[in-house]
Amino acid sequence: MIRFKPKIWLTATGMIILLVSGAHAQTAPPVPLAPPAGPPRGLRKDSITELDSIRSIAPFFKPATTAKKTPDADGFIQRWLLLEPISKSIRSNIVFTVNYLKKAFDTSYFPDQFTVIPKDGEKVKVGEQELAWHALESPTFNMKLFRFAYGLHKQTYSVLFWVVTIVNSPREMKNVRLAAGSNGGSMWWLNGKQAVILDGDRRMVMDDGVSARLTLHKGKNILRGAVINGPGLSDFCVRFLDENGAPVKDLTIITN
């Protein structure tokens, strides 16, 4: 029987450990010296960073004109009158139940809020706030309310936005549906009648809420909305769908 001397066995064991460690060290990926350039992963394009020092609504909006404006290729409405944000006391978006939203939107904030067709630059008094209406167009399918408020140096969180637009239809259209998405809760009215309500703490998803069948009158139709949000970004997107679910695009959108 062969007996190993302890000193020789320890030396051999140490050599094996060194060889194994060396193999692992050679196959491990190199550690980067610096993080890759660009914004952190998961950061939304709307988020504010230290580099975002110029507070402007451009390039997210441009002033609405009198030129003919139709919905985009997917039927989304991009021309709206937006009221500067109304300050609200909201600590969490989990409070946005249907009852909460109805109470919040039924509250009278300014005269004729459910009937007025405001003009660009027109001002209203809401408590101690003097707020202006802005006729704007978005280059994207959604209206970035957070960017609207941030660019105008207004409150960006715990806010309520009122929005209005006029939809001109070339003919009477029956059995259409109003499809909306918003971040966070919102309610939408067509010609003075409630069409869609989106409750809960949600992110904006197109067609997140779809109305029952509606009728677009020939000529002017008034589309009105209210979007409320606590912490987080705010935006919305709205379009009409025909009875087959296809976007309605032969409309003209005006603000006065």
C-alpha atoms as a PDB file:
ATOM      1  CA  MET A   1       0.000   0.000   0.000  1.00  0.00           C
ATOM      2  CA  ILE A   2       1.398   3.382  -1.049  1.00  0.00           C
ATOM      3  CA  ARG A   3       1.287   6.150   1.539  1.00  0.00           C
ATOM      4  CA  PHE A   4       1.393   9.821   0.478  1.00  0.00           C
ATOM      5  CA  LYS A   5       3.428  12.157   2.512  1.00  0.00           C
ATOM      6  CA  PRO A   6       1.309  15.056   3.889  1.00  0.00           C
ATOM      7  CA  LYS A   7       3.635  17.740   2.496  1.00  0.00           C
ATOM      8  CA  ILE A   8       3.511  16.303  -1.034  1.00  0.00           C
ATOM      9  CA  TRP A   9      -0.332  15.935  -0.876  1.00  0.00           C
ATOM     10  CA  LEU A  10      -0.817  19.539   0.193  1.00  0.00           C
ATOM     11  CA  THR A  11       1.434  20.772  -2.624  1.00  0.00           C
ATOM     12  CA  ALA A  12      -0.527  18.808  -5.234  1.00  0.00           C
ATOM     13  CA  THR A  13      -3.850  20.023  -3.884  1.00  0.00           C
ATOM     14  CA  GLY A  14      -2.689  23.629  -4.032  1.00  0.00           C
ATOM     15  CA  MET A  15      -1.639  23.247  -7.657  1.00  0.00           C
ATOM     16  CA  ILE A  16      -5.064  21.838  -8.574  1.00  0.00           C
ATOM     17  CA  ILE A  17      -6.839  24.764  -6.882  1.00  0.00           C
ATOM     18  CA  LEU A  18      -4.654  27.280  -8.709  1.00  0.00           C
ATOM     19  CA  LEU A  19      -5.306  25.607 -12.062  1.00  0.00           C
ATOM     20  CA  VAL A  20      -9.079  25.579 -11.524  1.00  0.00           C
ATOM     21  CA  SER A  21      -9.102  29.197 -10.355  1.00  0.00           C
ATOM     22  CA  GLY A  22      -7.090  30.198 -13.377  1.00  0.00           C
ATOM     23  CA  ALA A  23      -9.532  28.510 -15.723  1.00  0.00           C
ATOM     24  CA  HIS A  24     -12.459  30.356 -14.189  1.00  0.00           C
ATOM     25  CA  ALA A  25     -10.605  33.654 -14.338  1.00  0.00           C
ATOM     26  CA  GLN A  26      -9.916  33.201 -18.071  1.00  0.00           C
ATOM     27  CA  THR A  27     -13.565  32.422 -18.964  1.00  0.00           C
ATOM     28  CA  ALA A  28     -15.213  35.188 -16.894  1.00  0.00           C
ATOM     29  CA  PRO A  29     -16.483  38.139 -18.980  1.00  0.00           C
ATOM     30  CA  PRO A  30     -14.476  41.339 -18.715  1.00  0.00           C
ATOM     31  CA  VAL A  31     -15.858  44.061 -16.433  1.00  0.00           C
ATOM     32  CA  PRO A  32     -16.726  47.231 -18.395  1.00  0.00           C
ATOM     33  CA  LEU A  33     -14.727  50.273 -17.425  1.00  0.00           C
ATOM     34  CA  ALA A  34     -17.726  52.617 -17.738  1.00  0.00           C
ATOM     35  CA  PRO A  35     -21.478  52.303 -18.322  1.00  0.00           C
ATOM     36  CA  PRO A  36     -22.671  52.623 -21.922  1.00  0.00           C
ATOM     37  CA  ALA A  37     -23.636  56.051 -23.174  1.00  0.00           C
ATOM     38  CA  GLY A  38     -27.285  57.074 -23.284  1.00  0.00           C
ATOM     39  CA  PRO A  39     -30.171  57.137 -20.781  1.00  0.00           C
ATOM     40  CA  PRO A  40     -30.548  54.394 -18.153  1.00  0.00           C
ATOM     41  CA  ARG A  41     -32.470  51.325 -19.213  1.00  0.00           C
ATOM     42  CA  GLY A  42     -36.170  51.509 -18.629  1.00  0.00           C
ATOM     43  CA  LEU A  43     -36.221  55.331 -18.632  1.00  0.00           C
ATOM     44  CA  ARG A  44     -39.179  56.563 -20.662  1.00  0.00           C
ATOM     45  CA  LYS A  45     -38.497  59.177 -23.313  1.00  0.00           C
ATOM     46  CA  ASP A  46     -40.923  61.519 -21.525  1.00  0.00           C
ATOM     47  CA  SER A  47     -38.996  61.346 -18.245  1.00  0.00           C
ATOM     48  CA  ILE A  48     -37.037  64.350 -17.074  1.00  0.00           C
ATOM     49  CA  THR A  49     -33.267  63.950 -16.800  1.00  0.00           C
ATOM     50  CA  GLU A  50     -30.455  66.247 -15.747  1.00  0.00           C
ATOM     51  CA  LEU A  51     -29.758  66.868 -19.432  1.00  0.00           C
ATOM     52  CA  ASP A  52     -33.326  68.124 -19.977  1.00  0.00           C
ATOM     53  CA  SER A  53     -32.565  71.696 -18.974  1.00  0.00           C
ATOM     54  CA  ILE A  54     -34.562  73.537 -21.663  1.00  0.00           C
ATOM     55  CA  ARG A  55     -38.176  73.732 -20.543  1.00  0.00           C
ATOM     56  CA  SER A  56     -40.260  74.026 -23.683  1.00  0.00           C
ATOM     57  CA  ILE A  57     -43.285  72.291 -25.171  1.00  0.00           C
ATOM     58  CA  ALA A  58     -41.316  71.852 -28.400  1.00  0.00           C
ATOM     59  CA  PRO A  59     -40.814  69.341 -29.998  1.00  0.00           C
ATOM     60  CA  PHE A  60     -43.786  67.674 -28.335  1.00  0.00           C
ATOM     61  CA  PHE A  61     -46.322  70.228 -29.592  1.00  0.00           C
ATOM     62  CA  LYS A  62     -46.731  72.966 -32.147  1.00  0.00           C
ATOM     63  CA  PRO A  63     -49.381  75.704 -32.283  1.00  0.00           C
ATOM     64  CA  ALA A  64     -52.607  74.638 -33.974  1.00  0.00           C
ATOM     65  CA  THR A  65     -53.294  76.356 -37.290  1.00  0.00           C
ATOM     66  CA  THR A  66     -56.359  76.892 -39.449  1.00  0.00           C
ATOM     67  CA  ALA A  67     -55.014  74.460 -42.051  1.00  0.00           C
ATOM     68  CA  LYS A  68     -57.124  71.378 -42.688  1.00  0.00           C
ATOM     69  CA  LYS A  69     -56.287  68.711 -40.146  1.00  0.00           C
ATOM     70  CA  THR A  70     -57.498  65.127 -40.281  1.00  0.00           C
ATOM     71  CA  PRO A  71     -56.734  62.263 -37.882  1.00  0.00           C
ATOM     72  CA  ASP A  72     -53.437  60.487 -38.432  1.00  0.00           C
ATOM     73  CA  ALA A  73     -53.037  57.268 -40.405  1.00  0.00           C
ATOM     74  CA  ASP A  74     -54.430  55.273 -37.467  1.00  0.00           C
ATOM     75  CA  GLY A  75     -57.308  57.650 -36.803  1.00  0.00           C
ATOM     76  CA  PHE A  76     -55.884  59.392 -33.725  1.00  0.00           C
ATOM     77  CA  ILE A  77     -56.891  63.000 -33.057  1.00  0.00           C
ATOM     78  CA  GLN A  78     -53.816  65.241 -32.747  1.00  0.00           C
ATOM     79  CA  ARG A  79     -55.306  68.763 -32.523  1.00  0.00           C
ATOM     80  CA  TRP A  80     -56.695  69.865 -29.139  1.00  0.00           C
ATOM     81  CA  LEU A  81     -57.336  72.773 -26.840  1.00  0.00           C
ATOM     82  CA  LEU A  82     -55.536  72.021 -23.576  1.00  0.00           C
ATOM     83  CA  LEU A  83     -56.106  73.860 -20.310  1.00  0.00           C
ATOM     84  CA  GLU A  84     -53.104  74.360 -18.092  1.00  0.00           C
ATOM     85  CA  PRO A  85     -53.175  71.880 -15.187  1.00  0.00           C
ATOM     86  CA  ILE A  86     -55.497  72.341 -12.239  1.00  0.00           C
ATOM     87  CA  SER A  87     -53.759  71.558  -8.949  1.00  0.00           C
ATOM     88  CA  LYS A  88     -55.252  68.639  -7.003  1.00  0.00           C
ATOM     89  CA  SER A  89     -54.329  66.963  -3.738  1.00  0.00           C
ATOM     90  CA  ILE A  90     -53.526  63.383  -4.813  1.00  0.00           C
ATOM     91  CA  ARG A  91     -51.041  61.177  -2.978  1.00  0.00           C
ATOM     92  CA  SER A  92     -51.715  57.949  -4.840  1.00  0.00           C
ATOM     93  CA  ASN A  93     -53.452  56.905  -8.038  1.00  0.00           C
ATOM     94  CA  ILE A  94     -55.130  53.940  -6.347  1.00  0.00           C
ATOM     95  CA  VAL A  95     -57.910  56.337  -5.269  1.00  0.00           C
ATOM     96  CA  PHE A  96     -59.165  56.596  -8.879  1.00  0.00           C
ATOM     97  CA  THR A  97     -62.350  54.586  -8.482  1.00  0.00           C
ATOM     98  CA  VAL A  98     -65.346  55.348 -10.704  1.00  0.00           C
ATOM     99  CA  ASN A  99     -67.063  57.183  -7.841  1.00  0.00           C
ATOM    100  CA  TYR A 100     -63.935  59.237  -7.113  1.00  0.00           C
ATOM    101  CA  LEU A 101     -63.524  60.214 -10.759  1.00  0.00           C
ATOM    102  CA  LYS A 102     -67.174  61.158 -11.214  1.00  0.00           C
ATOM    103  CA  LYS A 103     -67.007  63.383  -8.147  1.00  0.00           C
ATOM    104  CA  ALA A 104     -63.723  64.936  -9.281  1.00  0.00           C
ATOM    105  CA  PHE A 105     -65.013  65.614 -12.798  1.00  0.00           C
ATOM    106  CA  ASP A 106     -68.465  66.805 -11.696  1.00  0.00           C
ATOM    107  CA  THR A 107     -66.859  69.472  -9.511  1.00  0.00           C
ATOM    108  CA  SER A 108     -67.255  72.958 -10.962  1.00  0.00           C
ATOM    109  CA  TYR A 109     -63.783  74.381 -11.546  1.00  0.00           C
ATOM    110  CA  PHE A 110     -64.592  77.224 -13.933  1.00  0.00           C
ATOM    111  CA  PRO A 111     -67.740  78.668 -15.580  1.00  0.00           C
ATOM    112  CA  ASP A 112     -69.388  76.606 -18.334  1.00  0.00           C
ATOM    113  CA  GLN A 113     -66.729  73.892 -18.165  1.00  0.00           C
ATOM    114  CA  PHE A 114     -69.028  71.355 -19.853  1.00  0.00           C
ATOM    115  CA  THR A 115     -70.234  73.667 -22.627  1.00  0.00           C
ATOM    116  CA  VAL A 116     -67.515  76.222 -23.333  1.00  0.00           C
ATOM    117  CA  ILE A 117     -65.585  76.124 -26.601  1.00  0.00           C
ATOM    118  CA  PRO A 118     -62.508  78.076 -25.499  1.00  0.00           C
ATOM    119  CA  LYS A 119     -60.183  80.085 -27.684  1.00  0.00           C
ATOM    120  CA  ASP A 120     -56.422  79.870 -27.767  1.00  0.00           C
ATOM    121  CA  GLY A 121     -54.981  82.074 -25.022  1.00  0.00           C
ATOM    122  CA  GLU A 122     -58.299  82.496 -23.211  1.00  0.00           C
ATOM    123  CA  LYS A 123     -57.891  82.434 -19.418  1.00  0.00           C
ATOM    124  CA  VAL A 124     -60.030  81.068 -16.611  1.00  0.00           C
ATOM    125  CA  LYS A 125     -59.807  81.394 -12.842  1.00  0.00           C
ATOM    126  CA  VAL A 126     -59.737  78.157 -10.837  1.00  0.00           C
ATOM    127  CA  GLY A 127     -59.480  79.028  -7.168  1.00  0.00           C
ATOM    128  CA  GLU A 128     -56.253  80.993  -6.819  1.00  0.00           C
ATOM    129  CA  GLN A 129     -54.959  79.757 -10.165  1.00  0.00           C
ATOM    130  CA  GLU A 130     -55.255  81.688 -13.424  1.00  0.00           C
ATOM    131  CA  LEU A 131     -54.980  79.165 -16.227  1.00  0.00           C
ATOM    132  CA  ALA A 132     -54.807  79.564 -20.007  1.00  0.00           C
ATOM    133  CA  TRP A 133     -56.090  77.453 -22.878  1.00  0.00           C
ATOM    134  CA  HIS A 134     -53.614  76.421 -25.567  1.00  0.00           C
ATOM    135  CA  ALA A 135     -54.564  75.267 -29.074  1.00  0.00           C
ATOM    136  CA  LEU A 136     -51.907  72.700 -29.938  1.00  0.00           C
ATOM    137  CA  GLU A 137     -51.075  69.832 -32.268  1.00  0.00           C
ATOM    138  CA  SER A 138     -49.010  66.776 -31.471  1.00  0.00           C
ATOM    139  CA  PRO A 139     -46.632  65.157 -33.980  1.00  0.00           C
ATOM    140  CA  THR A 140     -47.347  61.803 -32.330  1.00  0.00           C
ATOM    141  CA  PHE A 141     -50.577  59.855 -31.850  1.00  0.00           C
ATOM    142  CA  ASN A 142     -50.800  60.834 -28.169  1.00  0.00           C
ATOM    143  CA  MET A 143     -50.957  64.141 -26.334  1.00  0.00           C
ATOM    144  CA  LYS A 144     -48.146  64.327 -23.781  1.00  0.00           C
ATOM    145  CA  LEU A 145     -49.772  66.278 -20.959  1.00  0.00           C
ATOM    146  CA  PHE A 146     -46.753  65.900 -18.689  1.00  0.00           C
ATOM    147  CA  ARG A 147     -44.581  67.593 -21.325  1.00  0.00           C
ATOM    148  CA  PHE A 148     -47.240  70.245 -21.829  1.00  0.00           C
ATOM    149  CA  ALA A 149     -47.178  71.144 -18.115  1.00  0.00           C
ATOM    150  CA  TYR A 150     -43.409  70.810 -17.725  1.00  0.00           C
ATOM    151  CA  GLY A 151     -42.657  72.904 -20.797  1.00  0.00           C
ATOM    152  CA  LEU A 152     -44.879  75.727 -19.531  1.00  0.00           C
ATOM    153  CA  HIS A 153     -43.306  75.642 -16.036  1.00  0.00           C
ATOM    154  CA  LYS A 154     -46.579  74.401 -14.532  1.00  0.00           C
ATOM    155  CA  GLN A 155     -47.318  71.752 -11.928  1.00  0.00           C
ATOM    156  CA  THR A 156     -46.665  68.293 -13.366  1.00  0.00           C
ATOM    157  CA  TYR A 157     -47.931  65.930 -10.653  1.00  0.00           C
ATOM    158  CA  SER A 158     -51.239  65.804  -8.725  1.00  0.00           C
ATOM    159  CA  VAL A 159     -53.045  67.573 -11.549  1.00  0.00           C
ATOM    160  CA  LEU A 160     -56.254  67.580 -13.559  1.00  0.00           C
ATOM    161  CA  PHE A 161     -56.319  68.534 -17.247  1.00  0.00           C
ATOM    162  CA  TRP A 162     -59.363  69.637 -19.281  1.00  0.00           C
ATOM    163  CA  VAL A 163     -59.202  69.132 -23.044  1.00  0.00           C
ATOM    164  CA  VAL A 164     -61.584  70.030 -25.872  1.00  0.00           C
ATOM    165  CA  THR A 165     -61.660  69.603 -29.634  1.00  0.00           C
ATOM    166  CA  ILE A 166     -64.187  69.890 -32.457  1.00  0.00           C
ATOM    167  CA  VAL A 167     -64.714  66.963 -34.809  1.00  0.00           C
ATOM    168  CA  ASN A 168     -66.252  67.850 -38.161  1.00  0.00           C
ATOM    169  CA  SER A 169     -67.926  64.897 -39.839  1.00  0.00           C
ATOM    170  CA  PRO A 170     -68.765  65.001 -43.577  1.00  0.00           C
ATOM    171  CA  ARG A 171     -71.936  62.979 -42.935  1.00  0.00           C
ATOM    172  CA  GLU A 172     -73.897  61.354 -40.142  1.00  0.00           C
ATOM    173  CA  MET A 173     -72.006  58.314 -38.900  1.00  0.00           C
ATOM    174  CA  LYS A 174     -73.922  55.796 -36.817  1.00  0.00           C
ATOM    175  CA  ASN A 175     -72.566  52.958 -34.701  1.00  0.00           C
ATOM    176  CA  VAL A 176     -69.125  54.462 -34.205  1.00  0.00           C
ATOM    177  CA  ARG A 177     -67.234  53.997 -30.961  1.00  0.00           C
ATOM    178  CA  LEU A 178     -64.996  56.394 -29.078  1.00  0.00           C
ATOM    179  CA  ALA A 179     -61.750  54.638 -28.097  1.00  0.00           C
ATOM    180  CA  ALA A 180     -59.499  56.256 -25.502  1.00  0.00           C
ATOM    181  CA  GLY A 181     -56.380  55.569 -23.493  1.00  0.00           C
ATOM    182  CA  SER A 182     -54.951  57.667 -20.677  1.00  0.00           C
ATOM    183  CA  ASN A 183     -52.375  57.869 -17.930  1.00  0.00           C
ATOM    184  CA  GLY A 184     -54.030  57.938 -15.283  1.00  0.00           C
ATOM    185  CA  GLY A 185     -57.827  58.215 -14.882  1.00  0.00           C
ATOM    186  CA  SER A 186     -60.006  60.018 -17.402  1.00  0.00           C
ATOM    187  CA  MET A 187     -63.546  60.673 -18.604  1.00  0.00           C
ATOM    188  CA  TRP A 188     -64.733  61.567 -22.114  1.00  0.00           C
ATOM    189  CA  TRP A 189     -67.899  63.264 -23.376  1.00  0.00           C
ATOM    190  CA  LEU A 190     -69.234  63.490 -26.923  1.00  0.00           C
ATOM    191  CA  ASN A 191     -71.759  66.266 -27.573  1.00  0.00           C
ATOM    192  CA  GLY A 192     -72.342  66.658 -23.834  1.00  0.00           C
ATOM    193  CA  LYS A 193     -72.958  62.962 -23.083  1.00  0.00           C
ATOM    194  CA  GLN A 194     -70.563  60.729 -21.164  1.00  0.00           C
ATOM    195  CA  ALA A 195     -68.996  58.198 -23.501  1.00  0.00           C
ATOM    196  CA  VAL A 196     -66.020  56.577 -21.744  1.00  0.00           C
ATOM    197  CA  ILE A 197     -64.550  56.485 -18.242  1.00  0.00           C
ATOM    198  CA  LEU A 198     -61.127  55.007 -17.464  1.00  0.00           C
ATOM    199  CA  ASP A 199     -60.639  54.366 -13.757  1.00  0.00           C
ATOM    200  CA  GLY A 200     -57.799  52.994 -11.661  1.00  0.00           C
ATOM    201  CA  ASP A 201     -54.048  53.509 -11.726  1.00  0.00           C
ATOM    202  CA  ARG A 202     -53.222  52.794 -15.348  1.00  0.00           C
ATOM    203  CA  ARG A 203     -50.706  53.507 -18.052  1.00  0.00           C
ATOM    204  CA  MET A 204     -51.827  54.820 -21.401  1.00  0.00           C
ATOM    205  CA  VAL A 205     -52.751  52.060 -23.820  1.00  0.00           C
ATOM    206  CA  MET A 206     -54.496  52.804 -27.106  1.00  0.00           C
ATOM    207  CA  ASP A 207     -58.179  51.789 -27.140  1.00  0.00           C
ATOM    208  CA  ASP A 208     -57.971  50.954 -23.433  1.00  0.00           C
ATOM    209  CA  GLY A 209     -61.597  52.032 -23.027  1.00  0.00           C
ATOM    210  CA  VAL A 210     -64.195  51.846 -25.795  1.00  0.00           C
ATOM    211  CA  SER A 211     -67.651  53.416 -25.665  1.00  0.00           C
ATOM    212  CA  ALA A 212     -70.999  51.961 -26.562  1.00  0.00           C
ATOM    213  CA  ARG A 213     -72.185  52.693 -30.098  1.00  0.00           C
ATOM    214  CA  LEU A 214     -72.474  56.423 -30.785  1.00  0.00           C
ATOM    215  CA  THR A 215     -73.552  58.719 -33.593  1.00  0.00           C
ATOM    216  CA  LEU A 216     -71.363  61.424 -35.073  1.00  0.00           C
ATOM    217  CA  HIS A 217     -73.617  64.163 -36.416  1.00  0.00           C
ATOM    218  CA  LYS A 218     -72.988  65.707 -39.791  1.00  0.00           C
ATOM    219  CA  GLY A 219     -70.982  68.845 -39.119  1.00  0.00           C
ATOM    220  CA  LYS A 220     -69.566  69.812 -35.736  1.00  0.00           C
ATOM    221  CA  ASN A 221     -69.277  67.393 -32.820  1.00  0.00           C
ATOM    222  CA  ILE A 222     -67.790  68.515 -29.516  1.00  0.00           C
ATOM    223  CA  LEU A 223     -65.375  66.087 -27.890  1.00  0.00           C
ATOM    224  CA  ARG A 224     -64.391  66.909 -24.324  1.00  0.00           C
ATOM    225  CA  GLY A 225     -62.169  65.106 -21.834  1.00  0.00           C
ATOM    226  CA  ALA A 226     -60.700  65.313 -18.353  1.00  0.00           C
ATOM    227  CA  VAL A 227     -57.495  63.527 -17.329  1.00  0.00           C
ATOM    228  CA  ILE A 228     -56.364  63.277 -13.712  1.00  0.00           C
ATOM    229  CA  ASN A 229     -53.080  61.965 -12.324  1.00  0.00           C
ATOM    230  CA  GLY A 230     -51.097  61.965  -9.107  1.00  0.00           C
ATOM    231  CA  PRO A 231     -47.501  60.737  -9.253  1.00  0.00           C
ATOM    232  CA  GLY A 232     -46.267  59.754 -12.693  1.00  0.00           C
ATOM    233  CA  LEU A 233     -46.556  60.938 -16.270  1.00  0.00           C
ATOM    234  CA  SER A 234     -49.787  62.087 -17.903  1.00  0.00           C
ATOM    235  CA  ASP A 235     -50.908  61.621 -21.499  1.00  0.00           C
ATOM    236  CA  PHE A 236     -53.846  60.428 -23.585  1.00  0.00           C
ATOM    237  CA  CYS A 237     -54.847  59.200 -27.028  1.00  0.00           C
ATOM    238  CA  VAL A 238     -58.307  59.231 -28.611  1.00  0.00           C
ATOM    239  CA  ARG A 239     -59.816  58.042 -31.886  1.00  0.00           C
ATOM    240  CA  PHE A 240     -63.121  56.893 -33.364  1.00  0.00           C
ATOM    241  CA  LEU A 241     -63.700  53.357 -34.644  1.00  0.00           C
ATOM    242  CA  ASP A 242     -66.404  52.405 -37.134  1.00  0.00           C
ATOM    243  CA  GLU A 243     -68.829  49.515 -36.664  1.00  0.00           C
ATOM    244  CA  ASN A 244     -66.220  47.109 -38.068  1.00  0.00           C
ATOM    245  CA  GLY A 245     -63.520  48.321 -35.673  1.00  0.00           C
ATOM    246  CA  ALA A 246     -61.574  50.249 -38.324  1.00  0.00           C
ATOM    247  CA  PRO A 247     -60.340  53.781 -37.502  1.00  0.00           C
ATOM    248  CA  VAL A 248     -62.477  56.653 -38.768  1.00  0.00           C
ATOM    249  CA  LYS A 249     -60.165  58.964 -40.699  1.00  0.00           C
ATOM    250  CA  ASP A 250     -62.413  61.099 -42.942  1.00  0.00           C
ATOM    251  CA  LEU A 251     -62.942  63.724 -40.246  1.00  0.00           C
ATOM    252  CA  THR A 252     -61.701  67.287 -39.962  1.00  0.00           C
ATOM    253  CA  ILE A 253     -60.411  68.478 -36.599  1.00  0.00           C
ATOM    254  CA  ILE A 254     -60.660  72.157 -35.639  1.00  0.00           C
ATOM    255  CA  THR A 255     -60.371  74.138 -32.411  1.00  0.00           C
ATOM    256  CA  ASN A 256     -62.823  76.971 -33.105  1.00  0.00           C
END
